[in-house]
Amino acid sequence: MPSELRVARFLVLWGRPDDPAAFERHYRDVHIPLALKIPGLRRYSLSRDIAAVRGKDPHYLVAELEFDNLGSLRSGFQSPEGQATARDVATLAAYATVTSMMYELEDASRPR
């Protein structure tokens, strides 16, 4: 895949919080501002009103953080700003379960 088409994402899946108001307040006022400082971050998007197609209960919130490539993503999270964001997840995890993963996108619609 040509380098200009590469994108790496960090995906965060949040379960339903015990206290949605407290979760939302901390997420908006503390967590997002921390994450937006991560070096190399190209885009931060949120998905809400998630409907399960297969499986059990859908997640409460899905966050996608986009970087140029996996190296940039890893470097971003190794930075002081990335470490501060990662530490803040422990605060949010007191309200809701969290699962996260990183991956590089491959455009399956483009011929090789």
PDB file of N, CA and C in Angstrom:
ATOM      1  N   MET A   1       0.855  -1.176   0.000  1.00  0.00           N
ATOM      2  CA  MET A   1       0.000   0.000   0.000  1.00  0.00           C
ATOM      3  C   MET A   1       0.895   1.231   0.000  1.00  0.00           C
ATOM      4  N   PRO A   2       0.710   2.172  -0.894  1.00  0.00           N
ATOM      5  CA  PRO A   2       1.528   3.384  -0.893  1.00  0.00           C
ATOM      6  C   PRO A   2       1.421   4.109   0.443  1.00  0.00           C
ATOM      7  N   SER A   3       2.527   4.730   0.868  1.00  0.00           N
ATOM      8  CA  SER A   3       2.557   5.358   2.193  1.00  0.00           C
ATOM      9  C   SER A   3       1.502   6.441   2.360  1.00  0.00           C
ATOM     10  N   GLU A   4       1.148   7.175   1.275  1.00  0.00           N
ATOM     11  CA  GLU A   4       0.163   8.240   1.421  1.00  0.00           C
ATOM     12  C   GLU A   4      -1.239   7.718   1.722  1.00  0.00           C
ATOM     13  N   LEU A   5      -1.464   6.413   1.527  1.00  0.00           N
ATOM     14  CA  LEU A   5      -2.777   5.839   1.796  1.00  0.00           C
ATOM     15  C   LEU A   5      -2.846   5.162   3.162  1.00  0.00           C
ATOM     16  N   ARG A   6      -1.745   5.074   3.849  1.00  0.00           N
ATOM     17  CA  ARG A   6      -1.730   4.401   5.137  1.00  0.00           C
ATOM     18  C   ARG A   6      -2.355   5.257   6.211  1.00  0.00           C
ATOM     19  N   VAL A   7      -3.063   4.597   7.058  1.00  0.00           N
ATOM     20  CA  VAL A   7      -3.669   5.244   8.220  1.00  0.00           C
ATOM     21  C   VAL A   7      -3.656   4.223   9.336  1.00  0.00           C
ATOM     22  N   ALA A   8      -3.321   4.663  10.529  1.00  0.00           N
ATOM     23  CA  ALA A   8      -3.391   3.794  11.700  1.00  0.00           C
ATOM     24  C   ALA A   8      -4.427   4.374  12.647  1.00  0.00           C
ATOM     25  N   ARG A   9      -5.152   3.494  13.289  1.00  0.00           N
ATOM     26  CA  ARG A   9      -6.171   3.944  14.236  1.00  0.00           C
ATOM     27  C   ARG A   9      -5.995   3.276  15.591  1.00  0.00           C
ATOM     28  N   PHE A  10      -6.365   4.039  16.590  1.00  0.00           N
ATOM     29  CA  PHE A  10      -6.470   3.533  17.954  1.00  0.00           C
ATOM     30  C   PHE A  10      -7.957   3.581  18.266  1.00  0.00           C
ATOM     31  N   LEU A  11      -8.535   2.436  18.505  1.00  0.00           N
ATOM     32  CA  LEU A  11      -9.975   2.306  18.721  1.00  0.00           C
ATOM     33  C   LEU A  11     -10.239   2.055  20.200  1.00  0.00           C
ATOM     34  N   VAL A  12     -11.171   2.810  20.773  1.00  0.00           N
ATOM     35  CA  VAL A  12     -11.530   2.654  22.182  1.00  0.00           C
ATOM     36  C   VAL A  12     -13.035   2.407  22.268  1.00  0.00           C
ATOM     37  N   LEU A  13     -13.407   1.292  22.884  1.00  0.00           N
ATOM     38  CA  LEU A  13     -14.806   0.898  23.041  1.00  0.00           C
ATOM     39  C   LEU A  13     -15.178   1.034  24.513  1.00  0.00           C
ATOM     40  N   TRP A  14     -16.104   1.928  24.795  1.00  0.00           N
ATOM     41  CA  TRP A  14     -16.543   2.168  26.170  1.00  0.00           C
ATOM     42  C   TRP A  14     -17.878   1.476  26.417  1.00  0.00           C
ATOM     43  N   GLY A  15     -17.965   0.738  27.528  1.00  0.00           N
ATOM     44  CA  GLY A  15     -19.226   0.141  27.943  1.00  0.00           C
ATOM     45  C   GLY A  15     -20.139   1.201  28.544  1.00  0.00           C
ATOM     46  N   ARG A  16     -21.343   0.803  28.877  1.00  0.00           N
ATOM     47  CA  ARG A  16     -22.304   1.743  29.469  1.00  0.00           C
ATOM     48  C   ARG A  16     -21.843   2.141  30.879  1.00  0.00           C
ATOM     49  N   PRO A  17     -21.669   3.437  31.125  1.00  0.00           N
ATOM     50  CA  PRO A  17     -21.190   3.876  32.441  1.00  0.00           C
ATOM     51  C   PRO A  17     -22.256   3.740  33.519  1.00  0.00           C
ATOM     52  N   ASP A  18     -21.787   3.520  34.740  1.00  0.00           N
ATOM     53  CA  ASP A  18     -22.689   3.466  35.896  1.00  0.00           C
ATOM     54  C   ASP A  18     -23.300   4.847  36.155  1.00  0.00           C
ATOM     55  N   ASP A  19     -22.531   5.878  35.920  1.00  0.00           N
ATOM     56  CA  ASP A  19     -22.975   7.258  36.115  1.00  0.00           C
ATOM     57  C   ASP A  19     -22.683   8.024  34.818  1.00  0.00           C
ATOM     58  N   PRO A  20     -23.609   7.988  33.857  1.00  0.00           N
ATOM     59  CA  PRO A  20     -23.351   8.618  32.561  1.00  0.00           C
ATOM     60  C   PRO A  20     -22.996  10.101  32.646  1.00  0.00           C
ATOM     61  N   ALA A  21     -23.640  10.844  33.530  1.00  0.00           N
ATOM     62  CA  ALA A  21     -23.366  12.283  33.631  1.00  0.00           C
ATOM     63  C   ALA A  21     -21.922  12.535  34.071  1.00  0.00           C
ATOM     64  N   ALA A  22     -21.459  11.798  35.082  1.00  0.00           N
ATOM     65  CA  ALA A  22     -20.078  11.962  35.558  1.00  0.00           C
ATOM     66  C   ALA A  22     -19.078  11.519  34.492  1.00  0.00           C
ATOM     67  N   PHE A  23     -19.372  10.408  33.820  1.00  0.00           N
ATOM     68  CA  PHE A  23     -18.510   9.930  32.741  1.00  0.00           C
ATOM     69  C   PHE A  23     -18.399  10.993  31.644  1.00  0.00           C
ATOM     70  N   GLU A  24     -19.540  11.483  31.182  1.00  0.00           N
ATOM     71  CA  GLU A  24     -19.559  12.472  30.109  1.00  0.00           C
ATOM     72  C   GLU A  24     -18.817  13.743  30.506  1.00  0.00           C
ATOM     73  N   ARG A  25     -19.024  14.203  31.721  1.00  0.00           N
ATOM     74  CA  ARG A  25     -18.373  15.422  32.194  1.00  0.00           C
ATOM     75  C   ARG A  25     -16.850  15.256  32.157  1.00  0.00           C
ATOM     76  N   HIS A  26     -16.368  14.150  32.717  1.00  0.00           N
ATOM     77  CA  HIS A  26     -14.918  13.925  32.744  1.00  0.00           C
ATOM     78  C   HIS A  26     -14.378  13.708  31.325  1.00  0.00           C
ATOM     79  N   TYR A  27     -15.111  12.952  30.535  1.00  0.00           N
ATOM     80  CA  TYR A  27     -14.659  12.649  29.173  1.00  0.00           C
ATOM     81  C   TYR A  27     -14.503  13.938  28.362  1.00  0.00           C
ATOM     82  N   ARG A  28     -15.499  14.796  28.415  1.00  0.00           N
ATOM     83  CA  ARG A  28     -15.475  16.053  27.637  1.00  0.00           C
ATOM     84  C   ARG A  28     -14.506  17.092  28.217  1.00  0.00           C
ATOM     85  N   ASP A  29     -14.516  17.248  29.540  1.00  0.00           N
ATOM     86  CA  ASP A  29     -13.743  18.322  30.162  1.00  0.00           C
ATOM     87  C   ASP A  29     -12.275  17.983  30.393  1.00  0.00           C
ATOM     88  N   VAL A  30     -11.961  16.689  30.544  1.00  0.00           N
ATOM     89  CA  VAL A  30     -10.592  16.290  30.877  1.00  0.00           C
ATOM     90  C   VAL A  30      -9.975  15.407  29.789  1.00  0.00           C
ATOM     91  N   HIS A  31     -10.645  14.309  29.469  1.00  0.00           N
ATOM     92  CA  HIS A  31     -10.012  13.307  28.610  1.00  0.00           C
ATOM     93  C   HIS A  31      -9.782  13.780  27.171  1.00  0.00           C
ATOM     94  N   ILE A  32     -10.805  14.344  26.539  1.00  0.00           N
ATOM     95  CA  ILE A  32     -10.636  14.794  25.159  1.00  0.00           C
ATOM     96  C   ILE A  32      -9.557  15.880  25.055  1.00  0.00           C
ATOM     97  N   PRO A  33      -9.555  16.891  25.929  1.00  0.00           N
ATOM     98  CA  PRO A  33      -8.470  17.882  25.838  1.00  0.00           C
ATOM     99  C   PRO A  33      -7.072  17.269  25.993  1.00  0.00           C
ATOM    100  N   LEU A  34      -6.933  16.258  26.857  1.00  0.00           N
ATOM    101  CA  LEU A  34      -5.647  15.569  26.977  1.00  0.00           C
ATOM    102  C   LEU A  34      -5.285  14.868  25.668  1.00  0.00           C
ATOM    103  N   ALA A  35      -6.223  14.121  25.115  1.00  0.00           N
ATOM    104  CA  ALA A  35      -5.964  13.335  23.909  1.00  0.00           C
ATOM    105  C   ALA A  35      -5.629  14.223  22.719  1.00  0.00           C
ATOM    106  N   LEU A  36      -6.245  15.369  22.634  1.00  0.00           N
ATOM    107  CA  LEU A  36      -6.000  16.254  21.492  1.00  0.00           C
ATOM    108  C   LEU A  36      -4.578  16.805  21.458  1.00  0.00           C
ATOM    109  N   LYS A  37      -3.853  16.651  22.555  1.00  0.00           N
ATOM    110  CA  LYS A  37      -2.460  17.104  22.624  1.00  0.00           C
ATOM    111  C   LYS A  37      -1.469  16.027  22.192  1.00  0.00           C
ATOM    112  N   ILE A  38      -1.927  14.819  21.919  1.00  0.00           N
ATOM    113  CA  ILE A  38      -1.015  13.730  21.555  1.00  0.00           C
ATOM    114  C   ILE A  38      -0.332  14.067  20.226  1.00  0.00           C
ATOM    115  N   PRO A  39       1.001  14.068  20.198  1.00  0.00           N
ATOM    116  CA  PRO A  39       1.712  14.367  18.954  1.00  0.00           C
ATOM    117  C   PRO A  39       1.368  13.351  17.859  1.00  0.00           C
ATOM    118  N   GLY A  40       1.167  13.849  16.656  1.00  0.00           N
ATOM    119  CA  GLY A  40       0.883  12.975  15.518  1.00  0.00           C
ATOM    120  C   GLY A  40      -0.584  12.658  15.318  1.00  0.00           C
ATOM    121  N   LEU A  41      -1.441  13.050  16.250  1.00  0.00           N
ATOM    122  CA  LEU A  41      -2.873  12.780  16.118  1.00  0.00           C
ATOM    123  C   LEU A  41      -3.431  13.595  14.956  1.00  0.00           C
ATOM    124  N   ARG A  42      -4.047  12.907  14.004  1.00  0.00           N
ATOM    125  CA  ARG A  42      -4.644  13.584  12.844  1.00  0.00           C
ATOM    126  C   ARG A  42      -6.115  13.872  13.047  1.00  0.00           C
ATOM    127  N   ARG A  43      -6.789  12.957  13.725  1.00  0.00           N
ATOM    128  CA  ARG A  43      -8.240  13.098  13.872  1.00  0.00           C
ATOM    129  C   ARG A  43      -8.702  12.326  15.098  1.00  0.00           C
ATOM    130  N   TYR A  44      -9.690  12.880  15.781  1.00  0.00           N
ATOM    131  CA  TYR A  44     -10.303  12.227  16.942  1.00  0.00           C
ATOM    132  C   TYR A  44     -11.799  12.240  16.682  1.00  0.00           C
ATOM    133  N   SER A  45     -12.406  11.079  16.545  1.00  0.00           N
ATOM    134  CA  SER A  45     -13.848  11.041  16.281  1.00  0.00           C
ATOM    135  C   SER A  45     -14.554  10.165  17.312  1.00  0.00           C
ATOM    136  N   LEU A  46     -15.818  10.505  17.556  1.00  0.00           N
ATOM    137  CA  LEU A  46     -16.651   9.778  18.509  1.00  0.00           C
ATOM    138  C   LEU A  46     -17.879   9.250  17.795  1.00  0.00           C
ATOM    139  N   SER A  47     -18.330   8.089  18.206  1.00  0.00           N
ATOM    140  CA  SER A  47     -19.576   7.514  17.693  1.00  0.00           C
ATOM    141  C   SER A  47     -20.480   7.214  18.872  1.00  0.00           C
ATOM    142  N   ARG A  48     -21.741   7.612  18.725  1.00  0.00           N
ATOM    143  CA  ARG A  48     -22.750   7.388  19.767  1.00  0.00           C
ATOM    144  C   ARG A  48     -23.963   6.724  19.146  1.00  0.00           C
ATOM    145  N   ASP A  49     -24.930   6.406  19.964  1.00  0.00           N
ATOM    146  CA  ASP A  49     -26.161   5.773  19.492  1.00  0.00           C
ATOM    147  C   ASP A  49     -25.847   4.537  18.654  1.00  0.00           C
ATOM    148  N   ILE A  50     -24.993   3.707  19.196  1.00  0.00           N
ATOM    149  CA  ILE A  50     -24.494   2.521  18.511  1.00  0.00           C
ATOM    150  C   ILE A  50     -25.531   1.410  18.605  1.00  0.00           C
ATOM    151  N   ALA A  51     -25.842   0.795  17.499  1.00  0.00           N
ATOM    152  CA  ALA A  51     -26.824  -0.290  17.456  1.00  0.00           C
ATOM    153  C   ALA A  51     -26.120  -1.594  17.124  1.00  0.00           C
ATOM    154  N   ALA A  52     -26.326  -2.599  17.954  1.00  0.00           N
ATOM    155  CA  ALA A  52     -25.720  -3.907  17.705  1.00  0.00           C
ATOM    156  C   ALA A  52     -26.421  -4.583  16.534  1.00  0.00           C
ATOM    157  N   VAL A  53     -25.650  -5.148  15.644  1.00  0.00           N
ATOM    158  CA  VAL A  53     -26.188  -5.940  14.544  1.00  0.00           C
ATOM    159  C   VAL A  53     -26.111  -7.416  14.927  1.00  0.00           C
ATOM    160  N   ARG A  54     -24.983  -7.810  15.489  1.00  0.00           N
ATOM    161  CA  ARG A  54     -24.801  -9.157  16.037  1.00  0.00           C
ATOM    162  C   ARG A  54     -24.210  -8.995  17.427  1.00  0.00           C
ATOM    163  N   GLY A  55     -24.474  -9.939  18.260  1.00  0.00           N
ATOM    164  CA  GLY A  55     -23.891  -9.881  19.594  1.00  0.00           C
ATOM    165  C   GLY A  55     -24.830  -9.258  20.596  1.00  0.00           C
ATOM    166  N   LYS A  56     -24.248  -8.968  21.744  1.00  0.00           N
ATOM    167  CA  LYS A  56     -25.041  -8.458  22.865  1.00  0.00           C
ATOM    168  C   LYS A  56     -25.117  -6.944  22.831  1.00  0.00           C
ATOM    169  N   ASP A  57     -25.243  -6.369  24.002  1.00  0.00           N
ATOM    170  CA  ASP A  57     -25.381  -4.922  24.122  1.00  0.00           C
ATOM    171  C   ASP A  57     -24.290  -4.182  23.355  1.00  0.00           C
ATOM    172  N   PRO A  58     -24.679  -3.151  22.640  1.00  0.00           N
ATOM    173  CA  PRO A  58     -23.669  -2.352  21.956  1.00  0.00           C
ATOM    174  C   PRO A  58     -22.905  -1.496  22.963  1.00  0.00           C
ATOM    175  N   HIS A  59     -21.831  -0.944  22.526  1.00  0.00           N
ATOM    176  CA  HIS A  59     -21.027  -0.076  23.376  1.00  0.00           C
ATOM    177  C   HIS A  59     -21.718   1.271  23.542  1.00  0.00           C
ATOM    178  N   TYR A  60     -21.381   1.945  24.604  1.00  0.00           N
ATOM    179  CA  TYR A  60     -21.941   3.259  24.891  1.00  0.00           C
ATOM    180  C   TYR A  60     -21.301   4.327  23.994  1.00  0.00           C
ATOM    181  N   LEU A  61     -19.999   4.221  23.828  1.00  0.00           N
ATOM    182  CA  LEU A  61     -19.244   5.220  23.081  1.00  0.00           C
ATOM    183  C   LEU A  61     -18.072   4.540  22.391  1.00  0.00           C
ATOM    184  N   VAL A  62     -17.800   4.926  21.155  1.00  0.00           N
ATOM    185  CA  VAL A  62     -16.636   4.435  20.423  1.00  0.00           C
ATOM    186  C   VAL A  62     -15.812   5.646  20.021  1.00  0.00           C
ATOM    187  N   ALA A  63     -14.531   5.631  20.372  1.00  0.00           N
ATOM    188  CA  ALA A  63     -13.618   6.707  19.998  1.00  0.00           C
ATOM    189  C   ALA A  63     -12.579   6.144  19.033  1.00  0.00           C
ATOM    190  N   GLU A  64     -12.283   6.908  17.991  1.00  0.00           N
ATOM    191  CA  GLU A  64     -11.256   6.528  17.031  1.00  0.00           C
ATOM    192  C   GLU A  64     -10.242   7.657  16.938  1.00  0.00           C
ATOM    193  N   LEU A  65      -8.990   7.325  17.195  1.00  0.00           N
ATOM    194  CA  LEU A  65      -7.902   8.281  17.084  1.00  0.00           C
ATOM    195  C   LEU A  65      -7.074   7.871  15.878  1.00  0.00           C
ATOM    196  N   GLU A  66      -6.880   8.794  14.946  1.00  0.00           N
ATOM    197  CA  GLU A  66      -6.223   8.463  13.681  1.00  0.00           C
ATOM    198  C   GLU A  66      -4.835   9.093  13.599  1.00  0.00           C
ATOM    199  N   PHE A  67      -3.890   8.291  13.112  1.00  0.00           N
ATOM    200  CA  PHE A  67      -2.497   8.700  12.949  1.00  0.00           C
ATOM    201  C   PHE A  67      -2.025   8.319  11.547  1.00  0.00           C
ATOM    202  N   ASP A  68      -0.883   8.843  11.121  1.00  0.00           N
ATOM    203  CA  ASP A  68      -0.356   8.535   9.794  1.00  0.00           C
ATOM    204  C   ASP A  68      -0.013   7.059   9.626  1.00  0.00           C
ATOM    205  N   ASN A  69       0.527   6.449  10.683  1.00  0.00           N
ATOM    206  CA  ASN A  69       0.938   5.044  10.615  1.00  0.00           C
ATOM    207  C   ASN A  69       1.121   4.523  12.045  1.00  0.00           C
ATOM    208  N   LEU A  70       1.393   3.231  12.169  1.00  0.00           N
ATOM    209  CA  LEU A  70       1.538   2.643  13.507  1.00  0.00           C
ATOM    210  C   LEU A  70       2.722   3.228  14.272  1.00  0.00           C
ATOM    211  N   GLY A  71       3.800   3.569  13.568  1.00  0.00           N
ATOM    212  CA  GLY A  71       4.953   4.185  14.237  1.00  0.00           C
ATOM    213  C   GLY A  71       4.583   5.517  14.861  1.00  0.00           C
ATOM    214  N   SER A  72       3.833   6.321  14.135  1.00  0.00           N
ATOM    215  CA  SER A  72       3.380   7.612  14.644  1.00  0.00           C
ATOM    216  C   SER A  72       2.437   7.432  15.828  1.00  0.00           C
ATOM    217  N   LEU A  73       1.564   6.451  15.739  1.00  0.00           N
ATOM    218  CA  LEU A  73       0.629   6.154  16.833  1.00  0.00           C
ATOM    219  C   LEU A  73       1.405   5.760  18.090  1.00  0.00           C
ATOM    220  N   ARG A  74       2.336   4.836  17.930  1.00  0.00           N
ATOM    221  CA  ARG A  74       3.125   4.385  19.090  1.00  0.00           C
ATOM    222  C   ARG A  74       3.932   5.528  19.697  1.00  0.00           C
ATOM    223  N   SER A  75       4.568   6.324  18.843  1.00  0.00           N
ATOM    224  CA  SER A  75       5.339   7.472  19.340  1.00  0.00           C
ATOM    225  C   SER A  75       4.444   8.459  20.079  1.00  0.00           C
ATOM    226  N   GLY A  76       3.266   8.699  19.526  1.00  0.00           N
ATOM    227  CA  GLY A  76       2.335   9.613  20.176  1.00  0.00           C
ATOM    228  C   GLY A  76       1.966   9.170  21.574  1.00  0.00           C
ATOM    229  N   PHE A  77       1.703   7.872  21.735  1.00  0.00           N
ATOM    230  CA  PHE A  77       1.324   7.381  23.057  1.00  0.00           C
ATOM    231  C   PHE A  77       2.505   7.221  23.998  1.00  0.00           C
ATOM    232  N   GLN A  78       3.724   7.207  23.466  1.00  0.00           N
ATOM    233  CA  GLN A  78       4.910   7.166  24.325  1.00  0.00           C
ATOM    234  C   GLN A  78       5.308   8.556  24.807  1.00  0.00           C
ATOM    235  N   SER A  79       4.758   9.586  24.186  1.00  0.00           N
ATOM    236  CA  SER A  79       5.069  10.963  24.577  1.00  0.00           C
ATOM    237  C   SER A  79       4.450  11.273  25.942  1.00  0.00           C
ATOM    238  N   PRO A  80       4.904  12.340  26.593  1.00  0.00           N
ATOM    239  CA  PRO A  80       4.276  12.732  27.867  1.00  0.00           C
ATOM    240  C   PRO A  80       2.772  12.972  27.735  1.00  0.00           C
ATOM    241  N   GLU A  81       2.345  13.566  26.620  1.00  0.00           N
ATOM    242  CA  GLU A  81       0.923  13.820  26.401  1.00  0.00           C
ATOM    243  C   GLU A  81       0.147  12.510  26.228  1.00  0.00           C
ATOM    244  N   GLY A  82       0.739  11.576  25.511  1.00  0.00           N
ATOM    245  CA  GLY A  82       0.111  10.269  25.333  1.00  0.00           C
ATOM    246  C   GLY A  82       0.032   9.496  26.636  1.00  0.00           C
ATOM    247  N   GLN A  83       1.086   9.576  27.437  1.00  0.00           N
ATOM    248  CA  GLN A  83       1.098   8.898  28.735  1.00  0.00           C
ATOM    249  C   GLN A  83       0.060   9.501  29.679  1.00  0.00           C
ATOM    250  N   ALA A  84      -0.095  10.816  29.649  1.00  0.00           N
ATOM    251  CA  ALA A  84      -1.107  11.474  30.491  1.00  0.00           C
ATOM    252  C   ALA A  84      -2.506  11.029  30.078  1.00  0.00           C
ATOM    253  N   THR A  85      -2.738  10.913  28.778  1.00  0.00           N
ATOM    254  CA  THR A  85      -4.033  10.456  28.280  1.00  0.00           C
ATOM    255  C   THR A  85      -4.289   9.022  28.710  1.00  0.00           C
ATOM    256  N   ALA A  86      -3.289   8.177  28.582  1.00  0.00           N
ATOM    257  CA  ALA A  86      -3.429   6.770  28.974  1.00  0.00           C
ATOM    258  C   ALA A  86      -3.699   6.639  30.475  1.00  0.00           C
ATOM    259  N   ARG A  87      -3.021   7.446  31.289  1.00  0.00           N
ATOM    260  CA  ARG A  87      -3.262   7.401  32.740  1.00  0.00           C
ATOM    261  C   ARG A  87      -4.688   7.826  33.071  1.00  0.00           C
ATOM    262  N   ASP A  88      -5.228   8.767  32.320  1.00  0.00           N
ATOM    263  CA  ASP A  88      -6.583   9.259  32.588  1.00  0.00           C
ATOM    264  C   ASP A  88      -7.647   8.194  32.300  1.00  0.00           C
ATOM    265  N   VAL A  89      -7.322   7.225  31.481  1.00  0.00           N
ATOM    266  CA  VAL A  89      -8.273   6.141  31.196  1.00  0.00           C
ATOM    267  C   VAL A  89      -8.650   5.427  32.500  1.00  0.00           C
ATOM    268  N   ALA A  90      -7.726   5.315  33.443  1.00  0.00           N
ATOM    269  CA  ALA A  90      -8.023   4.665  34.729  1.00  0.00           C
ATOM    270  C   ALA A  90      -9.145   5.396  35.459  1.00  0.00           C
ATOM    271  N   THR A  91      -9.183   6.711  35.375  1.00  0.00           N
ATOM    272  CA  THR A  91     -10.263   7.477  36.000  1.00  0.00           C
ATOM    273  C   THR A  91     -11.592   7.141  35.347  1.00  0.00           C
ATOM    274  N   LEU A  92     -11.614   7.132  34.007  1.00  0.00           N
ATOM    275  CA  LEU A  92     -12.848   6.813  33.282  1.00  0.00           C
ATOM    276  C   LEU A  92     -13.264   5.358  33.474  1.00  0.00           C
ATOM    277  N   ALA A  93     -12.300   4.475  33.633  1.00  0.00           N
ATOM    278  CA  ALA A  93     -12.604   3.049  33.816  1.00  0.00           C
ATOM    279  C   ALA A  93     -13.314   2.787  35.144  1.00  0.00           C
ATOM    280  N   ALA A  94     -13.309   3.764  36.046  1.00  0.00           N
ATOM    281  CA  ALA A  94     -14.085   3.629  37.283  1.00  0.00           C
ATOM    282  C   ALA A  94     -15.580   3.743  36.988  1.00  0.00           C
ATOM    283  N   TYR A  95     -15.932   4.347  35.853  1.00  0.00           N
ATOM    284  CA  TYR A  95     -17.331   4.519  35.455  1.00  0.00           C
ATOM    285  C   TYR A  95     -17.809   3.465  34.458  1.00  0.00           C
ATOM    286  N   ALA A  96     -16.899   2.989  33.590  1.00  0.00           N
ATOM    287  CA  ALA A  96     -17.312   2.113  32.496  1.00  0.00           C
ATOM    288  C   ALA A  96     -16.169   1.182  32.096  1.00  0.00           C
ATOM    289  N   THR A  97     -16.538   0.019  31.568  1.00  0.00           N
ATOM    290  CA  THR A  97     -15.515  -0.882  31.041  1.00  0.00           C
ATOM    291  C   THR A  97     -14.926  -0.271  29.774  1.00  0.00           C
ATOM    292  N   VAL A  98     -13.694  -0.649  29.492  1.00  0.00           N
ATOM    293  CA  VAL A  98     -13.024  -0.108  28.308  1.00  0.00           C
ATOM    294  C   VAL A  98     -12.209  -1.208  27.638  1.00  0.00           C
ATOM    295  N   THR A  99     -12.263  -1.217  26.319  1.00  0.00           N
ATOM    296  CA  THR A  99     -11.448  -2.102  25.494  1.00  0.00           C
ATOM    297  C   THR A  99     -10.798  -1.218  24.441  1.00  0.00           C
ATOM    298  N   SER A 100      -9.525  -1.449  24.175  1.00  0.00           N
ATOM    299  CA  SER A 100      -8.869  -0.645  23.149  1.00  0.00           C
ATOM    300  C   SER A 100      -7.963  -1.520  22.294  1.00  0.00           C
ATOM    301  N   MET A 101      -7.714  -1.042  21.083  1.00  0.00           N
ATOM    302  CA  MET A 101      -6.850  -1.757  20.152  1.00  0.00           C
ATOM    303  C   MET A 101      -6.289  -0.775  19.135  1.00  0.00           C
ATOM    304  N   MET A 102      -5.192  -1.161  18.511  1.00  0.00           N
ATOM    305  CA  MET A 102      -4.639  -0.343  17.439  1.00  0.00           C
ATOM    306  C   MET A 102      -4.490  -1.209  16.206  1.00  0.00           C
ATOM    307  N   TYR A 103      -4.606  -0.554  15.042  1.00  0.00           N
ATOM    308  CA  TYR A 103      -4.511  -1.287  13.787  1.00  0.00           C
ATOM    309  C   TYR A 103      -4.195  -0.336  12.650  1.00  0.00           C
ATOM    310  N   GLU A 104      -3.705  -0.918  11.565  1.00  0.00           N
ATOM    311  CA  GLU A 104      -3.455  -0.152  10.355  1.00  0.00           C
ATOM    312  C   GLU A 104      -4.530  -0.510   9.348  1.00  0.00           C
ATOM    313  N   LEU A 105      -5.072   0.497   8.694  1.00  0.00           N
ATOM    314  CA  LEU A 105      -6.139   0.276   7.728  1.00  0.00           C
ATOM    315  C   LEU A 105      -5.578  -0.184   6.393  1.00  0.00           C
ATOM    316  N   GLU A 106      -6.310  -1.046   5.755  1.00  0.00           N
ATOM    317  CA  GLU A 106      -6.021  -1.461   4.396  1.00  0.00           C
ATOM    318  C   GLU A 106      -7.281  -1.231   3.587  1.00  0.00           C
ATOM    319  N   ASP A 107      -7.165  -0.494   2.514  1.00  0.00           N
ATOM    320  CA  ASP A 107      -8.333  -0.216   1.673  1.00  0.00           C
ATOM    321  C   ASP A 107      -8.594  -1.418   0.775  1.00  0.00           C
ATOM    322  N   ALA A 108      -9.572  -2.236   1.147  1.00  0.00           N
ATOM    323  CA  ALA A 108      -9.876  -3.454   0.412  1.00  0.00           C
ATOM    324  C   ALA A 108     -10.593  -3.173  -0.906  1.00  0.00           C
ATOM    325  N   SER A 109     -11.050  -1.942  -1.107  1.00  0.00           N
ATOM    326  CA  SER A 109     -11.748  -1.620  -2.345  1.00  0.00           C
ATOM    327  C   SER A 109     -10.774  -1.243  -3.468  1.00  0.00           C
ATOM    328  N   ARG A 110      -9.503  -1.047  -3.132  1.00  0.00           N
ATOM    329  CA  ARG A 110      -8.519  -0.681  -4.146  1.00  0.00           C
ATOM    330  C   ARG A 110      -7.775  -1.924  -4.621  1.00  0.00           C
ATOM    331  N   PRO A 111      -7.666  -2.130  -5.915  1.00  0.00           N
ATOM    332  CA  PRO A 111      -6.913  -3.277  -6.410  1.00  0.00           C
ATOM    333  C   PRO A 111      -5.445  -3.156  -6.056  1.00  0.00           C
ATOM    334  N   ARG A 112      -4.823  -4.281  -5.836  1.00  0.00           N
ATOM    335  CA  ARG A 112      -3.390  -4.282  -5.511  1.00  0.00           C
ATOM    336  C   ARG A 112      -2.553  -4.272  -6.757  1.00  0.00           C
TER     337      ARG A 112
END
